[in-house]
Protein backbone atom coordinates (compact mmCIF):
# COMPACT_ATOMS: atom_id res chain seq x y z
CA MET A 1 -15.11 -5.07 9.54
CA SER A 2 -14.81 -1.70 7.87
CA GLY A 3 -12.62 -1.04 4.88
CA LEU A 4 -10.68 1.99 3.75
CA LYS A 5 -9.19 2.27 0.32
CA THR A 6 -8.02 4.82 -2.18
CA ASN A 7 -8.02 4.33 -5.90
CA LEU A 8 -5.35 5.32 -8.40
CA ASN A 9 -8.10 6.43 -10.79
CA GLU A 10 -8.18 9.66 -8.77
CA VAL A 11 -4.78 10.66 -10.11
CA SER A 12 -4.69 8.59 -13.30
CA LYS A 13 -5.62 11.49 -15.60
CA LYS A 14 -2.04 12.73 -15.17
CA PHE A 15 -0.76 9.43 -16.55
CA ASP A 16 -3.11 8.87 -19.50
CA ARG A 17 -0.42 9.89 -22.00
CA LEU A 18 2.09 7.46 -20.50
CA ILE A 19 -0.39 4.62 -20.12
CA LYS A 20 -1.04 4.64 -23.89
CA HIS A 21 2.57 3.54 -24.42
CA LEU A 22 2.42 0.55 -22.07
CA THR A 23 1.24 -3.02 -22.43
CA LYS A 24 -1.26 -4.34 -19.89
CA ASP A 25 1.54 -6.09 -18.02
CA GLY A 26 3.55 -2.86 -17.94
CA ILE A 27 0.55 -0.95 -16.60
CA LYS A 28 -0.09 -3.60 -13.95
CA GLN A 29 3.53 -3.51 -12.81
CA ALA A 30 3.57 0.30 -12.67
CA ILE A 31 0.30 0.37 -10.71
CA ASP A 32 1.59 -2.29 -8.31
CA ALA A 33 4.77 -0.27 -7.65
CA SER A 34 2.68 2.89 -7.21
CA LEU A 35 0.45 1.19 -4.65
CA GLN A 36 3.49 0.06 -2.70
CA LEU A 37 4.79 3.64 -2.75
CA ILE A 38 1.47 5.00 -1.42
CA GLY A 39 1.55 2.53 1.50
CA PHE A 40 5.13 3.49 2.30
CA VAL A 41 4.34 7.24 2.20
CA ALA A 42 1.28 6.73 4.41
CA VAL A 43 3.33 4.98 7.09
CA SER A 44 6.53 7.02 6.88
CA ASP A 45 5.05 10.51 6.47
CA HIS A 46 1.66 10.34 8.18
CA MET A 47 2.16 7.99 11.12
CA ILE A 48 4.42 8.10 14.14
CA GLN A 49 5.37 5.20 16.41
CA THR A 50 4.78 5.96 20.08
CA ASP A 51 3.55 4.45 23.30
CA LEU A 52 0.29 5.40 25.02
CA ALA A 53 1.94 7.60 27.68
CA THR A 54 3.76 9.65 25.06
CA ALA A 55 0.65 9.89 22.89
CA ILE A 56 -1.37 11.32 25.79
CA GLY A 57 1.40 13.70 26.86
CA ALA A 58 2.87 16.64 25.01
CA GLY A 59 5.34 16.35 22.17
CA VAL A 60 3.35 14.20 19.74
CA ASP A 61 2.62 15.67 16.31
CA SER A 62 -1.15 16.13 16.30
CA GLU A 63 -1.24 15.94 12.50
CA LYS A 64 0.19 12.43 12.43
CA LEU A 65 -1.62 9.28 13.42
CA THR A 66 0.05 7.64 16.40
CA MET A 67 0.66 3.94 16.00
CA ARG A 68 1.15 1.84 19.03
CA THR A 69 0.67 -1.72 17.81
CA GLY A 70 1.72 -1.26 14.20
CA ARG A 71 -1.33 -3.22 12.99
CA LEU A 72 -2.64 -0.44 10.72
CA ALA A 73 0.83 0.37 9.40
CA GLY A 74 1.51 -3.31 8.80
CA SER A 75 -1.67 -3.67 6.77
CA LEU A 76 -0.65 -0.74 4.53
CA MET A 77 2.77 -2.31 4.02
CA SER A 78 1.12 -5.69 3.22
CA ALA A 79 2.67 -7.34 6.26
CA PRO A 80 0.80 -10.34 7.70
CA ARG A 81 -0.46 -10.16 11.26
CA PHE A 82 -0.40 -13.07 13.66
CA SER A 83 0.10 -13.65 17.34
CA THR A 84 3.27 -15.24 18.69
CA SER A 85 1.29 -18.29 19.79
CA GLN A 86 0.33 -18.86 16.16
CA LEU A 87 3.80 -18.56 14.65
CA PRO A 88 4.68 -21.47 12.41
CA THR A 89 7.61 -23.51 13.68
CA GLU A 90 9.63 -22.81 10.55
CA LEU A 91 9.55 -19.27 9.16
CA SER A 92 12.35 -19.68 6.64
CA SER A 93 9.98 -20.64 3.84
CA TYR A 94 7.94 -17.49 4.52
CA TYR A 95 10.99 -15.29 4.12
CA LEU A 96 11.72 -17.03 0.84
CA LYS A 97 8.26 -15.89 -0.39
CA GLU A 98 6.82 -19.39 -0.12
CA LYS A 99 4.00 -18.91 2.36
CA PRO A 100 3.42 -22.03 4.42
CA LYS A 101 -0.17 -23.20 4.78
CA THR A 102 -0.13 -22.36 8.48
CA LEU A 103 0.36 -18.65 7.73
CA ARG A 104 -2.56 -18.56 5.33
CA LYS A 105 -4.86 -20.01 8.00
CA LEU A 106 -3.90 -17.49 10.64
CA PRO A 107 -6.47 -14.80 11.48
CA GLY A 108 -5.79 -11.29 10.25
CA THR A 109 -3.28 -12.11 7.52
CA ASP A 110 -5.34 -10.36 4.84
CA GLU A 111 -5.88 -6.96 6.46
CA GLY A 112 -4.17 -5.02 3.71
CA ILE A 113 -5.96 -4.00 0.53
CA HIS A 114 -3.54 -4.08 -2.39
CA ARG A 115 -5.20 -5.01 -5.66
CA VAL A 116 -4.61 -4.46 -9.33
CA THR A 117 -7.78 -5.43 -11.20
CA VAL A 118 -8.06 -5.88 -14.96
CA THR A 119 -11.54 -6.07 -16.50
CA GLY A 120 -11.58 -5.64 -20.26
CA THR A 121 -9.82 -2.36 -21.00
CA ASN A 122 -10.26 -1.05 -17.44
CA ILE A 123 -7.29 -1.43 -15.09
CA GLU A 124 -7.63 -0.25 -11.47
CA GLY A 125 -5.33 -0.14 -8.51
CA GLU A 126 -6.62 -0.13 -4.94
CA LYS A 127 -4.63 0.44 -1.76
CA GLY A 128 -6.01 0.46 1.74
CA THR A 129 -6.72 -1.47 4.89
CA SER A 130 -9.48 -3.56 6.35
CA VAL A 131 -8.29 -2.86 9.90
CA PRO A 132 -11.57 -1.85 11.60
CA TYR A 133 -10.35 1.49 12.94
CA GLY A 134 -8.57 2.58 9.75
CA ALA A 135 -11.59 4.37 8.29
CA LYS A 136 -12.31 6.05 11.63
CA HIS A 137 -8.83 7.56 11.73
CA GLU A 138 -8.80 8.78 8.11
CA PRO A 139 -11.29 11.72 8.75
CA THR A 140 -9.39 13.04 11.80
CA ARG A 141 -5.77 12.42 10.84
CA PRO A 142 -5.75 11.47 7.17
CA PHE A 143 -2.95 9.18 6.09
CA LEU A 144 -4.07 7.45 2.90
CA THR A 145 -5.64 10.25 0.84
CA PRO A 146 -2.76 12.72 1.36
CA SER A 147 -0.29 9.93 0.57
CA LEU A 148 -1.97 9.37 -2.77
CA MET A 149 -1.96 13.06 -3.60
CA GLU A 150 1.64 13.62 -2.43
CA SER A 151 2.88 10.65 -4.44
CA GLY A 152 1.72 12.02 -7.81
CA ASP A 153 5.18 13.07 -9.02
CA LYS A 154 6.81 9.83 -7.91
CA ILE A 155 4.00 7.79 -9.48
CA SER A 156 4.57 9.72 -12.71
CA THR A 157 8.26 8.76 -12.51
CA ILE A 158 7.29 5.11 -11.99
CA PHE A 159 5.14 5.21 -15.14
CA GLN A 160 7.90 6.99 -17.11
CA MET A 161 10.37 4.32 -16.04
CA ALA A 162 7.92 1.62 -17.09
CA VAL A 163 7.53 3.22 -20.53
CA LYS A 164 11.31 3.44 -20.95
CA SER A 165 11.77 -0.14 -19.76
CA GLU A 166 9.15 -1.51 -22.14
CA GLY A 167 10.59 0.61 -24.95
CA ARG A 168 13.97 -1.02 -24.43
CA LEU A 169 12.42 -4.48 -24.27
CA LEU A 170 10.48 -3.86 -27.48
CA GLY A 171 13.50 -2.30 -29.25
CA PHE A 172 12.18 1.28 -29.45
CA VAL A 173 14.82 2.93 -27.28
């Protein structure tokens, strides 16, 4: 299985000044929100839902990646994948954020890459997909790299909001 991921370190130089004013928890939360934003931008701005007939015919934006099954988009949005024959009998606990054991055992549930890693003073955020054809599509119709680059201003806003929020919590604002 191939993997495709982008790393927030590529744009983190813009945020160094803000990061110095955050606790590790604040940084982790801001990175997590930024990764969610990147996945959303990748799906909403760089993919288009269509069927095979429409994709082959005229009228499809050649710059956008066509999604027919939603598997790749789902992995970027951290949505689990499972077949209808494998659905647990009671989904209510899943919607309440309590994942039943049956969901964890289903194949394909971990296709999204969404990690915030803390090692010593190094904090990294990774966003991507382990869907096998994700990396193959990125060179022809990029969706993840441009999403990271286009999200720079919004990520900056996320970090500014985190600084303000922590300032209020710590009594500085």
